[in-house]
């Protein structure tokens, strides 16, 4: 079953407030990605923050369960629940877009770009 939860003014570090969308709904995800693309079109550096969380099933092959995407300070953070979502070409195409640089911070504090 599709769900979409929105959270406003989630407190992050200090006085930073985030708007978060947590969903497995393809339509909501497509709306969020279209909003990201409009924002990125105006940016010189097209950087998308990305983080993956994996399933914790013992003995099972680790699969991505949730992807977190963020673009700029004014855009909502998208938490897309892959583990209960249908495969989506729009999502795959966004991740494969060579115009965007995807960056994530590792636990060691190193920054990794793709």
PDB file of N, CA and C in Angstrom:
ATOM      1  N   UNK A   1       0.835  -1.172   0.000  1.00  0.00           N
ATOM      2  CA  UNK A   1       0.000   0.000   0.000  1.00  0.00           C
ATOM      3  C   UNK A   1       0.890   1.249   0.000  1.00  0.00           C
ATOM      4  N   UNK A   2       0.538   2.211  -0.801  1.00  0.00           N
ATOM      5  CA  UNK A   2       1.325   3.442  -0.924  1.00  0.00           C
ATOM      6  C   UNK A   2       1.078   4.359   0.276  1.00  0.00           C
ATOM      7  N   UNK A   3       2.150   5.013   0.697  1.00  0.00           N
ATOM      8  CA  UNK A   3       2.021   6.005   1.761  1.00  0.00           C
ATOM      9  C   UNK A   3       2.893   7.204   1.430  1.00  0.00           C
ATOM     10  N   UNK A   4       2.553   8.320   2.017  1.00  0.00           N
ATOM     11  CA  UNK A   4       3.339   9.537   1.863  1.00  0.00           C
ATOM     12  C   UNK A   4       3.138  10.387   3.112  1.00  0.00           C
ATOM     13  N   UNK A   5       4.202  10.538   3.885  1.00  0.00           N
ATOM     14  CA  UNK A   5       4.156  11.341   5.109  1.00  0.00           C
ATOM     15  C   UNK A   5       5.045  12.562   4.929  1.00  0.00           C
ATOM     16  N   UNK A   6       4.545  13.705   5.367  1.00  0.00           N
ATOM     17  CA  UNK A   6       5.320  14.949   5.262  1.00  0.00           C
ATOM     18  C   UNK A   6       5.532  15.504   6.659  1.00  0.00           C
ATOM     19  N   UNK A   7       6.771  15.916   6.906  1.00  0.00           N
ATOM     20  CA  UNK A   7       7.151  16.483   8.198  1.00  0.00           C
ATOM     21  C   UNK A   7       7.782  17.842   7.944  1.00  0.00           C
ATOM     22  N   UNK A   8       7.288  18.857   8.624  1.00  0.00           N
ATOM     23  CA  UNK A   8       7.841  20.209   8.481  1.00  0.00           C
ATOM     24  C   UNK A   8       8.572  20.595   9.750  1.00  0.00           C
ATOM     25  N   UNK A   9       9.594  21.420   9.552  1.00  0.00           N
ATOM     26  CA  UNK A   9      10.357  21.981  10.665  1.00  0.00           C
ATOM     27  C   UNK A   9      10.939  20.925  11.601  1.00  0.00           C
ATOM     28  N   UNK A  10      11.485  19.869  11.008  1.00  0.00           N
ATOM     29  CA  UNK A  10      12.195  18.866  11.791  1.00  0.00           C
ATOM     30  C   UNK A  10      13.550  19.467  12.143  1.00  0.00           C
ATOM     31  N   UNK A  11      13.850  19.499  13.423  1.00  0.00           N
ATOM     32  CA  UNK A  11      15.087  20.152  13.857  1.00  0.00           C
ATOM     33  C   UNK A  11      16.297  19.268  13.556  1.00  0.00           C
ATOM     34  N   UNK A  12      17.259  19.875  12.892  1.00  0.00           N
ATOM     35  CA  UNK A  12      18.534  19.211  12.616  1.00  0.00           C
ATOM     36  C   UNK A  12      19.573  19.885  13.498  1.00  0.00           C
ATOM     37  N   UNK A  13      20.763  20.039  13.037  1.00  0.00           N
ATOM     38  CA  UNK A  13      21.843  20.636  13.823  1.00  0.00           C
ATOM     39  C   UNK A  13      21.518  22.080  14.187  1.00  0.00           C
ATOM     40  N   UNK A  14      21.499  22.350  15.470  1.00  0.00           N
ATOM     41  CA  UNK A  14      21.281  23.723  15.924  1.00  0.00           C
ATOM     42  C   UNK A  14      19.927  24.257  15.534  1.00  0.00           C
ATOM     43  N   UNK A  15      19.935  25.346  14.767  1.00  0.00           N
ATOM     44  CA  UNK A  15      18.678  25.987  14.403  1.00  0.00           C
ATOM     45  C   UNK A  15      18.235  25.629  12.979  1.00  0.00           C
ATOM     46  N   UNK A  16      18.798  24.589  12.382  1.00  0.00           N
ATOM     47  CA  UNK A  16      18.422  24.165  11.035  1.00  0.00           C
ATOM     48  C   UNK A  16      17.110  23.396  11.091  1.00  0.00           C
ATOM     49  N   UNK A  17      16.164  23.779  10.270  1.00  0.00           N
ATOM     50  CA  UNK A  17      14.872  23.102  10.186  1.00  0.00           C
ATOM     51  C   UNK A  17      14.752  22.449   8.811  1.00  0.00           C
ATOM     52  N   UNK A  18      14.316  21.207   8.787  1.00  0.00           N
ATOM     53  CA  UNK A  18      14.166  20.466   7.539  1.00  0.00           C
ATOM     54  C   UNK A  18      12.711  20.145   7.262  1.00  0.00           C
ATOM     55  N   UNK A  19      12.383  20.088   5.987  1.00  0.00           N
ATOM     56  CA  UNK A  19      11.100  19.595   5.513  1.00  0.00           C
ATOM     57  C   UNK A  19      11.400  18.221   4.927  1.00  0.00           C
ATOM     58  N   UNK A  20      10.704  17.194   5.404  1.00  0.00           N
ATOM     59  CA  UNK A  20      10.992  15.821   4.998  1.00  0.00           C
ATOM     60  C   UNK A  20       9.753  15.185   4.393  1.00  0.00           C
ATOM     61  N   UNK A  21       9.946  14.473   3.283  1.00  0.00           N
ATOM     62  CA  UNK A  21       8.887  13.677   2.666  1.00  0.00           C
ATOM     63  C   UNK A  21       9.337  12.224   2.709  1.00  0.00           C
ATOM     64  N   UNK A  22       8.570  11.390   3.392  1.00  0.00           N
ATOM     65  CA  UNK A  22       8.856   9.956   3.496  1.00  0.00           C
ATOM     66  C   UNK A  22       7.741   9.231   2.740  1.00  0.00           C
ATOM     67  N   UNK A  23       8.120   8.514   1.690  1.00  0.00           N
ATOM     68  CA  UNK A  23       7.098   7.923   0.832  1.00  0.00           C
ATOM     69  C   UNK A  23       7.595   6.664   0.138  1.00  0.00           C
ATOM     70  N   UNK A  24       6.658   5.872  -0.308  1.00  0.00           N
ATOM     71  CA  UNK A  24       6.926   4.793  -1.254  1.00  0.00           C
ATOM     72  C   UNK A  24       6.048   4.978  -2.490  1.00  0.00           C
ATOM     73  N   UNK A  25       5.346   6.100  -2.541  1.00  0.00           N
ATOM     74  CA  UNK A  25       4.417   6.410  -3.619  1.00  0.00           C
ATOM     75  C   UNK A  25       5.168   6.964  -4.832  1.00  0.00           C
ATOM     76  N   UNK A  26       5.020   6.291  -5.963  1.00  0.00           N
ATOM     77  CA  UNK A  26       5.737   6.715  -7.171  1.00  0.00           C
ATOM     78  C   UNK A  26       5.328   8.109  -7.621  1.00  0.00           C
ATOM     79  N   UNK A  27       4.080   8.454  -7.465  1.00  0.00           N
ATOM     80  CA  UNK A  27       3.616   9.780  -7.895  1.00  0.00           C
ATOM     81  C   UNK A  27       4.258  10.877  -7.037  1.00  0.00           C
ATOM     82  N   UNK A  28       4.270  10.692  -5.720  1.00  0.00           N
ATOM     83  CA  UNK A  28       4.892  11.683  -4.822  1.00  0.00           C
ATOM     84  C   UNK A  28       6.385  11.779  -5.083  1.00  0.00           C
ATOM     85  N   UNK A  29       7.027  10.634  -5.315  1.00  0.00           N
ATOM     86  CA  UNK A  29       8.455  10.622  -5.611  1.00  0.00           C
ATOM     87  C   UNK A  29       8.735  11.383  -6.903  1.00  0.00           C
ATOM     88  N   UNK A  30       7.913  11.168  -7.936  1.00  0.00           N
ATOM     89  CA  UNK A  30       8.091  11.865  -9.216  1.00  0.00           C
ATOM     90  C   UNK A  30       7.909  13.370  -9.053  1.00  0.00           C
ATOM     91  N   UNK A  31       6.966  13.785  -8.233  1.00  0.00           N
ATOM     92  CA  UNK A  31       6.752  15.216  -7.963  1.00  0.00           C
ATOM     93  C   UNK A  31       7.988  15.800  -7.289  1.00  0.00           C
ATOM     94  N   UNK A  32       8.529  15.092  -6.312  1.00  0.00           N
ATOM     95  CA  UNK A  32       9.725  15.565  -5.605  1.00  0.00           C
ATOM     96  C   UNK A  32      10.922  15.657  -6.539  1.00  0.00           C
ATOM     97  N   UNK A  33      11.109  14.647  -7.391  1.00  0.00           N
ATOM     98  CA  UNK A  33      12.241  14.675  -8.322  1.00  0.00           C
ATOM     99  C   UNK A  33      12.096  15.794  -9.353  1.00  0.00           C
ATOM    100  N   UNK A  34      10.886  16.054  -9.814  1.00  0.00           N
ATOM    101  CA  UNK A  34      10.657  17.162 -10.753  1.00  0.00           C
ATOM    102  C   UNK A  34      11.002  18.490 -10.079  1.00  0.00           C
ATOM    103  N   UNK A  35      10.654  18.624  -8.805  1.00  0.00           N
ATOM    104  CA  UNK A  35      10.993  19.831  -8.040  1.00  0.00           C
ATOM    105  C   UNK A  35      12.516  19.953  -7.913  1.00  0.00           C
ATOM    106  N   UNK A  36      13.193  18.848  -7.639  1.00  0.00           N
ATOM    107  CA  UNK A  36      14.656  18.857  -7.569  1.00  0.00           C
ATOM    108  C   UNK A  36      15.255  19.288  -8.907  1.00  0.00           C
ATOM    109  N   UNK A  37      14.723  18.742  -9.991  1.00  0.00           N
ATOM    110  CA  UNK A  37      15.277  19.064 -11.314  1.00  0.00           C
ATOM    111  C   UNK A  37      15.097  20.539 -11.650  1.00  0.00           C
ATOM    112  N   UNK A  38      13.967  21.126 -11.289  1.00  0.00           N
ATOM    113  CA  UNK A  38      13.764  22.570 -11.507  1.00  0.00           C
ATOM    114  C   UNK A  38      14.787  23.372 -10.711  1.00  0.00           C
ATOM    115  N   UNK A  39      15.016  22.957  -9.463  1.00  0.00           N
ATOM    116  CA  UNK A  39      15.991  23.653  -8.615  1.00  0.00           C
ATOM    117  C   UNK A  39      17.405  23.494  -9.185  1.00  0.00           C
ATOM    118  N   UNK A  40      17.773  22.288  -9.557  1.00  0.00           N
ATOM    119  CA  UNK A  40      19.128  22.017 -10.050  1.00  0.00           C
ATOM    120  C   UNK A  40      19.407  22.705 -11.382  1.00  0.00           C
ATOM    121  N   UNK A  41      18.380  22.891 -12.193  1.00  0.00           N
ATOM    122  CA  UNK A  41      18.550  23.550 -13.489  1.00  0.00           C
ATOM    123  C   UNK A  41      19.152  24.940 -13.314  1.00  0.00           C
ATOM    124  N   UNK A  42      18.863  25.589 -12.194  1.00  0.00           N
ATOM    125  CA  UNK A  42      19.333  26.950 -11.933  1.00  0.00           C
ATOM    126  C   UNK A  42      20.684  26.996 -11.217  1.00  0.00           C
ATOM    127  N   UNK A  43      21.199  25.838 -10.831  1.00  0.00           N
ATOM    128  CA  UNK A  43      22.439  25.782 -10.060  1.00  0.00           C
ATOM    129  C   UNK A  43      23.637  25.530 -10.966  1.00  0.00           C
ATOM    130  N   UNK A  44      24.743  26.184 -10.647  1.00  0.00           N
ATOM    131  CA  UNK A  44      25.982  25.938 -11.400  1.00  0.00           C
ATOM    132  C   UNK A  44      26.516  24.543 -11.088  1.00  0.00           C
ATOM    133  N   UNK A  45      26.555  24.212  -9.790  1.00  0.00           N
ATOM    134  CA  UNK A  45      27.010  22.894  -9.349  1.00  0.00           C
ATOM    135  C   UNK A  45      25.774  22.073  -9.005  1.00  0.00           C
ATOM    136  N   UNK A  46      25.549  21.018  -9.717  1.00  0.00           N
ATOM    137  CA  UNK A  46      24.345  20.202  -9.570  1.00  0.00           C
ATOM    138  C   UNK A  46      24.637  19.009  -8.664  1.00  0.00           C
ATOM    139  N   UNK A  47      24.655  19.279  -7.348  1.00  0.00           N
ATOM    140  CA  UNK A  47      25.036  18.276  -6.360  1.00  0.00           C
ATOM    141  C   UNK A  47      23.798  17.785  -5.619  1.00  0.00           C
ATOM    142  N   UNK A  48      23.679  16.462  -5.558  1.00  0.00           N
ATOM    143  CA  UNK A  48      22.573  15.815  -4.859  1.00  0.00           C
ATOM    144  C   UNK A  48      23.172  14.985  -3.723  1.00  0.00           C
ATOM    145  N   UNK A  49      22.725  15.250  -2.503  1.00  0.00           N
ATOM    146  CA  UNK A  49      23.145  14.432  -1.375  1.00  0.00           C
ATOM    147  C   UNK A  49      22.382  13.123  -1.401  1.00  0.00           C
ATOM    148  N   UNK A  50      23.082  12.022  -1.178  1.00  0.00           N
ATOM    149  CA  UNK A  50      22.446  10.709  -1.222  1.00  0.00           C
ATOM    150  C   UNK A  50      22.956   9.844  -0.082  1.00  0.00           C
ATOM    151  N   UNK A  51      22.050   9.058   0.476  1.00  0.00           N
ATOM    152  CA  UNK A  51      22.423   8.080   1.485  1.00  0.00           C
ATOM    153  C   UNK A  51      21.506   6.878   1.308  1.00  0.00           C
ATOM    154  N   UNK A  52      22.039   5.695   1.503  1.00  0.00           N
ATOM    155  CA  UNK A  52      21.264   4.460   1.404  1.00  0.00           C
ATOM    156  C   UNK A  52      21.251   3.752   2.746  1.00  0.00           C
ATOM    157  N   UNK A  53      20.107   3.228   3.093  1.00  0.00           N
ATOM    158  CA  UNK A  53      19.979   2.346   4.245  1.00  0.00           C
ATOM    159  C   UNK A  53      19.600   0.975   3.698  1.00  0.00           C
ATOM    160  N   UNK A  54      20.152  -0.063   4.306  1.00  0.00           N
ATOM    161  CA  UNK A  54      19.948  -1.419   3.805  1.00  0.00           C
ATOM    162  C   UNK A  54      19.082  -2.222   4.757  1.00  0.00           C
ATOM    163  N   UNK A  55      18.491  -3.295   4.209  1.00  0.00           N
ATOM    164  CA  UNK A  55      17.699  -4.182   5.057  1.00  0.00           C
ATOM    165  C   UNK A  55      18.616  -4.862   6.063  1.00  0.00           C
ATOM    166  N   UNK A  56      18.060  -5.307   7.148  1.00  0.00           N
ATOM    167  CA  UNK A  56      18.862  -5.940   8.195  1.00  0.00           C
ATOM    168  C   UNK A  56      18.477  -7.403   8.376  1.00  0.00           C
ATOM    169  N   UNK A  57      18.062  -8.038   7.310  1.00  0.00           N
ATOM    170  CA  UNK A  57      17.640  -9.427   7.424  1.00  0.00           C
ATOM    171  C   UNK A  57      18.865 -10.310   7.594  1.00  0.00           C
ATOM    172  N   UNK A  58      18.954 -11.035   8.722  1.00  0.00           N
ATOM    173  CA  UNK A  58      20.111 -11.897   8.950  1.00  0.00           C
ATOM    174  C   UNK A  58      20.202 -12.991   7.880  1.00  0.00           C
ATOM    175  N   UNK A  59      21.386 -13.179   7.352  1.00  0.00           N
ATOM    176  CA  UNK A  59      21.607 -14.214   6.359  1.00  0.00           C
ATOM    177  C   UNK A  59      21.139 -13.876   4.965  1.00  0.00           C
ATOM    178  N   UNK A  60      20.425 -12.778   4.797  1.00  0.00           N
ATOM    179  CA  UNK A  60      19.932 -12.391   3.471  1.00  0.00           C
ATOM    180  C   UNK A  60      20.933 -11.461   2.801  1.00  0.00           C
ATOM    181  N   UNK A  61      20.876 -11.448   1.476  1.00  0.00           N
ATOM    182  CA  UNK A  61      21.714 -10.507   0.738  1.00  0.00           C
ATOM    183  C   UNK A  61      21.243  -9.084   1.049  1.00  0.00           C
ATOM    184  N   UNK A  62      22.176  -8.209   1.367  1.00  0.00           N
ATOM    185  CA  UNK A  62      21.812  -6.844   1.701  1.00  0.00           C
ATOM    186  C   UNK A  62      21.269  -6.129   0.471  1.00  0.00           C
ATOM    187  N   UNK A  63      20.084  -5.534   0.610  1.00  0.00           N
ATOM    188  CA  UNK A  63      19.452  -4.775  -0.470  1.00  0.00           C
ATOM    189  C   UNK A  63      19.124  -3.383   0.058  1.00  0.00           C
ATOM    190  N   UNK A  64      19.213  -2.368  -0.817  1.00  0.00           N
ATOM    191  CA  UNK A  64      18.812  -1.030  -0.366  1.00  0.00           C
ATOM    192  C   UNK A  64      17.336  -1.031   0.039  1.00  0.00           C
ATOM    193  N   UNK A  65      17.053  -0.495   1.212  1.00  0.00           N
ATOM    194  CA  UNK A  65      15.682  -0.437   1.709  1.00  0.00           C
ATOM    195  C   UNK A  65      15.125   0.980   1.627  1.00  0.00           C
ATOM    196  N   UNK A  66      15.999   1.982   1.784  1.00  0.00           N
ATOM    197  CA  UNK A  66      15.562   3.368   1.788  1.00  0.00           C
ATOM    198  C   UNK A  66      16.668   4.222   1.189  1.00  0.00           C
ATOM    199  N   UNK A  67      16.275   5.171   0.343  1.00  0.00           N
ATOM    200  CA  UNK A  67      17.257   6.120  -0.192  1.00  0.00           C
ATOM    201  C   UNK A  67      16.849   7.510   0.285  1.00  0.00           C
ATOM    202  N   UNK A  68      17.841   8.273   0.716  1.00  0.00           N
ATOM    203  CA  UNK A  68      17.625   9.649   1.171  1.00  0.00           C
ATOM    204  C   UNK A  68      18.287  10.575   0.171  1.00  0.00           C
ATOM    205  N   UNK A  69      17.518  11.501  -0.385  1.00  0.00           N
ATOM    206  CA  UNK A  69      18.037  12.483  -1.339  1.00  0.00           C
ATOM    207  C   UNK A  69      17.805  13.879  -0.793  1.00  0.00           C
ATOM    208  N   UNK A  70      18.795  14.751  -0.999  1.00  0.00           N
ATOM    209  CA  UNK A  70      18.627  16.145  -0.600  1.00  0.00           C
ATOM    210  C   UNK A  70      19.325  17.045  -1.611  1.00  0.00           C
ATOM    211  N   UNK A  71      18.688  18.184  -1.849  1.00  0.00           N
ATOM    212  CA  UNK A  71      19.199  19.162  -2.817  1.00  0.00           C
ATOM    213  C   UNK A  71      19.013  20.546  -2.221  1.00  0.00           C
ATOM    214  N   UNK A  72      20.092  21.216  -1.907  1.00  0.00           N
ATOM    215  CA  UNK A  72      20.008  22.592  -1.409  1.00  0.00           C
ATOM    216  C   UNK A  72      19.335  22.685  -0.051  1.00  0.00           C
ATOM    217  N   UNK A  73      19.281  23.897   0.467  1.00  0.00           N
ATOM    218  CA  UNK A  73      18.704  24.128   1.790  1.00  0.00           C
ATOM    219  C   UNK A  73      17.207  24.367   1.752  1.00  0.00           C
ATOM    220  N   UNK A  74      16.682  24.722   0.587  1.00  0.00           N
ATOM    221  CA  UNK A  74      15.272  25.088   0.517  1.00  0.00           C
ATOM    222  C   UNK A  74      14.360  23.967   0.038  1.00  0.00           C
ATOM    223  N   UNK A  75      14.934  22.863  -0.398  1.00  0.00           N
ATOM    224  CA  UNK A  75      14.151  21.751  -0.932  1.00  0.00           C
ATOM    225  C   UNK A  75      13.912  20.701   0.145  1.00  0.00           C
ATOM    226  N   UNK A  76      12.760  20.018   0.102  1.00  0.00           N
ATOM    227  CA  UNK A  76      12.531  18.960   1.089  1.00  0.00           C
ATOM    228  C   UNK A  76      13.493  17.793   0.896  1.00  0.00           C
ATOM    229  N   UNK A  77      13.793  17.121   1.977  1.00  0.00           N
ATOM    230  CA  UNK A  77      14.589  15.892   1.928  1.00  0.00           C
ATOM    231  C   UNK A  77      13.621  14.770   1.554  1.00  0.00           C
ATOM    232  N   UNK A  78      13.993  13.974   0.572  1.00  0.00           N
ATOM    233  CA  UNK A  78      13.146  12.870   0.134  1.00  0.00           C
ATOM    234  C   UNK A  78      13.676  11.567   0.718  1.00  0.00           C
ATOM    235  N   UNK A  79      12.827  10.881   1.476  1.00  0.00           N
ATOM    236  CA  UNK A  79      13.120   9.538   1.959  1.00  0.00           C
ATOM    237  C   UNK A  79      12.229   8.601   1.153  1.00  0.00           C
ATOM    238  N   UNK A  80      12.813   7.903   0.189  1.00  0.00           N
ATOM    239  CA  UNK A  80      12.041   7.019  -0.686  1.00  0.00           C
ATOM    240  C   UNK A  80      12.244   5.587  -0.217  1.00  0.00           C
ATOM    241  N   UNK A  81      11.155   4.972   0.226  1.00  0.00           N
ATOM    242  CA  UNK A  81      11.180   3.634   0.805  1.00  0.00           C
ATOM    243  C   UNK A  81      11.194   2.589  -0.309  1.00  0.00           C
ATOM    244  N   UNK A  82      12.399   2.214  -0.734  1.00  0.00           N
ATOM    245  CA  UNK A  82      12.562   1.265  -1.835  1.00  0.00           C
ATOM    246  C   UNK A  82      12.028  -0.120  -1.503  1.00  0.00           C
ATOM    247  N   UNK A  83      12.125  -0.513  -0.256  1.00  0.00           N
ATOM    248  CA  UNK A  83      11.769  -1.877   0.128  1.00  0.00           C
ATOM    249  C   UNK A  83      10.294  -2.191  -0.093  1.00  0.00           C
ATOM    250  N   UNK A  84       9.454  -1.164  -0.158  1.00  0.00           N
ATOM    251  CA  UNK A  84       8.014  -1.398  -0.365  1.00  0.00           C
ATOM    252  C   UNK A  84       7.477  -0.594  -1.546  1.00  0.00           C
ATOM    253  N   UNK A  85       8.351  -0.203  -2.448  1.00  0.00           N
ATOM    254  CA  UNK A  85       7.943   0.575  -3.624  1.00  0.00           C
ATOM    255  C   UNK A  85       8.098  -0.279  -4.880  1.00  0.00           C
ATOM    256  N   UNK A  86       7.296   0.043  -5.873  1.00  0.00           N
ATOM    257  CA  UNK A  86       7.451  -0.594  -7.172  1.00  0.00           C
ATOM    258  C   UNK A  86       8.638   0.036  -7.889  1.00  0.00           C
ATOM    259  N   UNK A  87       9.291  -0.744  -8.722  1.00  0.00           N
ATOM    260  CA  UNK A  87      10.411  -0.219  -9.514  1.00  0.00           C
ATOM    261  C   UNK A  87       9.894   0.932 -10.380  1.00  0.00           C
ATOM    262  N   UNK A  88      10.700   1.978 -10.523  1.00  0.00           N
ATOM    263  CA  UNK A  88      10.232   3.175 -11.207  1.00  0.00           C
ATOM    264  C   UNK A  88      11.316   3.734 -12.130  1.00  0.00           C
ATOM    265  N   UNK A  89      10.999   3.869 -13.395  1.00  0.00           N
ATOM    266  CA  UNK A  89      11.943   4.377 -14.385  1.00  0.00           C
ATOM    267  C   UNK A  89      12.341   5.814 -14.097  1.00  0.00           C
ATOM    268  N   UNK A  90      11.419   6.634 -13.642  1.00  0.00           N
ATOM    269  CA  UNK A  90      11.714   8.041 -13.342  1.00  0.00           C
ATOM    270  C   UNK A  90      12.824   8.126 -12.288  1.00  0.00           C
ATOM    271  N   UNK A  91      12.712   7.315 -11.252  1.00  0.00           N
ATOM    272  CA  UNK A  91      13.715   7.288 -10.190  1.00  0.00           C
ATOM    273  C   UNK A  91      15.059   6.806 -10.725  1.00  0.00           C
ATOM    274  N   UNK A  92      15.040   5.713 -11.476  1.00  0.00           N
ATOM    275  CA  UNK A  92      16.271   5.162 -12.056  1.00  0.00           C
ATOM    276  C   UNK A  92      16.949   6.180 -12.972  1.00  0.00           C
ATOM    277  N   UNK A  93      16.164   6.875 -13.792  1.00  0.00           N
ATOM    278  CA  UNK A  93      16.723   7.871 -14.712  1.00  0.00           C
ATOM    279  C   UNK A  93      17.335   9.046 -13.966  1.00  0.00           C
ATOM    280  N   UNK A  94      16.711   9.470 -12.877  1.00  0.00           N
ATOM    281  CA  UNK A  94      17.261  10.569 -12.080  1.00  0.00           C
ATOM    282  C   UNK A  94      18.631  10.169 -11.528  1.00  0.00           C
ATOM    283  N   UNK A  95      18.727   8.968 -10.982  1.00  0.00           N
ATOM    284  CA  UNK A  95      19.998   8.507 -10.404  1.00  0.00           C
ATOM    285  C   UNK A  95      21.078   8.307 -11.461  1.00  0.00           C
ATOM    286  N   UNK A  96      20.671   8.011 -12.681  1.00  0.00           N
ATOM    287  CA  UNK A  96      21.643   7.754 -13.755  1.00  0.00           C
ATOM    288  C   UNK A  96      21.999   9.022 -14.540  1.00  0.00           C
ATOM    289  N   UNK A  97      21.383  10.150 -14.207  1.00  0.00           N
ATOM    290  CA  UNK A  97      21.598  11.380 -14.959  1.00  0.00           C
ATOM    291  C   UNK A  97      23.032  11.870 -14.786  1.00  0.00           C
ATOM    292  N   UNK A  98      23.798  11.940 -15.875  1.00  0.00           N
ATOM    293  CA  UNK A  98      25.204  12.343 -15.768  1.00  0.00           C
ATOM    294  C   UNK A  98      25.406  13.824 -15.423  1.00  0.00           C
ATOM    295  N   UNK A  99      24.351  14.638 -15.496  1.00  0.00           N
ATOM    296  CA  UNK A  99      24.489  16.060 -15.152  1.00  0.00           C
ATOM    297  C   UNK A  99      24.626  16.274 -13.651  1.00  0.00           C
ATOM    298  N   UNK A 100      24.206  15.303 -12.853  1.00  0.00           N
ATOM    299  CA  UNK A 100      24.205  15.468 -11.408  1.00  0.00           C
ATOM    300  C   UNK A 100      25.396  14.766 -10.779  1.00  0.00           C
ATOM    301  N   UNK A 101      25.917  15.377  -9.719  1.00  0.00           N
ATOM    302  CA  UNK A 101      26.955  14.761  -8.906  1.00  0.00           C
ATOM    303  C   UNK A 101      26.288  14.309  -7.615  1.00  0.00           C
ATOM    304  N   UNK A 102      26.406  13.039  -7.317  1.00  0.00           N
ATOM    305  CA  UNK A 102      25.826  12.486  -6.101  1.00  0.00           C
ATOM    306  C   UNK A 102      26.932  12.375  -5.058  1.00  0.00           C
ATOM    307  N   UNK A 103      26.663  12.901  -3.869  1.00  0.00           N
ATOM    308  CA  UNK A 103      27.661  12.920  -2.798  1.00  0.00           C
ATOM    309  C   UNK A 103      27.062  12.329  -1.535  1.00  0.00           C
ATOM    310  N   UNK A 104      27.902  11.603  -0.813  1.00  0.00           N
ATOM    311  CA  UNK A 104      27.458  11.077   0.472  1.00  0.00           C
ATOM    312  C   UNK A 104      28.611  11.137   1.456  1.00  0.00           C
ATOM    313  N   UNK A 105      28.286  11.270   2.713  1.00  0.00           N
ATOM    314  CA  UNK A 105      29.306  11.261   3.762  1.00  0.00           C
ATOM    315  C   UNK A 105      29.365   9.854   4.338  1.00  0.00           C
ATOM    316  N   UNK A 106      30.564   9.343   4.485  1.00  0.00           N
ATOM    317  CA  UNK A 106      30.742   8.019   5.079  1.00  0.00           C
ATOM    318  C   UNK A 106      30.838   8.151   6.592  1.00  0.00           C
ATOM    319  N   UNK A 107      30.690   7.048   7.269  1.00  0.00           N
ATOM    320  CA  UNK A 107      30.786   7.060   8.735  1.00  0.00           C
ATOM    321  C   UNK A 107      32.133   7.583   9.215  1.00  0.00           C
ATOM    322  N   UNK A 108      33.165   7.367   8.416  1.00  0.00           N
ATOM    323  CA  UNK A 108      34.488   7.840   8.806  1.00  0.00           C
ATOM    324  C   UNK A 108      34.620   9.351   8.651  1.00  0.00           C
ATOM    325  N   UNK A 109      33.608   9.993   8.062  1.00  0.00           N
ATOM    326  CA  UNK A 109      33.641  11.431   7.866  1.00  0.00           C
ATOM    327  C   UNK A 109      34.167  11.837   6.503  1.00  0.00           C
ATOM    328  N   UNK A 110      34.642  10.870   5.717  1.00  0.00           N
ATOM    329  CA  UNK A 110      35.117  11.191   4.370  1.00  0.00           C
ATOM    330  C   UNK A 110      33.931  11.508   3.476  1.00  0.00           C
ATOM    331  N   UNK A 111      34.139  12.341   2.510  1.00  0.00           N
ATOM    332  CA  UNK A 111      33.094  12.658   1.543  1.00  0.00           C
ATOM    333  C   UNK A 111      33.382  11.866   0.277  1.00  0.00           C
ATOM    334  N   UNK A 112      32.360  11.299  -0.297  1.00  0.00           N
ATOM    335  CA  UNK A 112      32.535  10.497  -1.499  1.00  0.00           C
ATOM    336  C   UNK A 112      31.630  11.073  -2.600  1.00  0.00           C
ATOM    337  N   UNK A 113      32.204  11.313  -3.771  1.00  0.00           N
ATOM    338  CA  UNK A 113      31.438  11.842  -4.903  1.00  0.00           C
ATOM    339  C   UNK A 113      31.361  10.790  -5.990  1.00  0.00           C
ATOM    340  N   UNK A 114      30.256  10.807  -6.732  1.00  0.00           N
ATOM    341  CA  UNK A 114      30.119   9.930  -7.882  1.00  0.00           C
ATOM    342  C   UNK A 114      29.708  10.778  -9.063  1.00  0.00           C
TER     343      UNK A 114
END
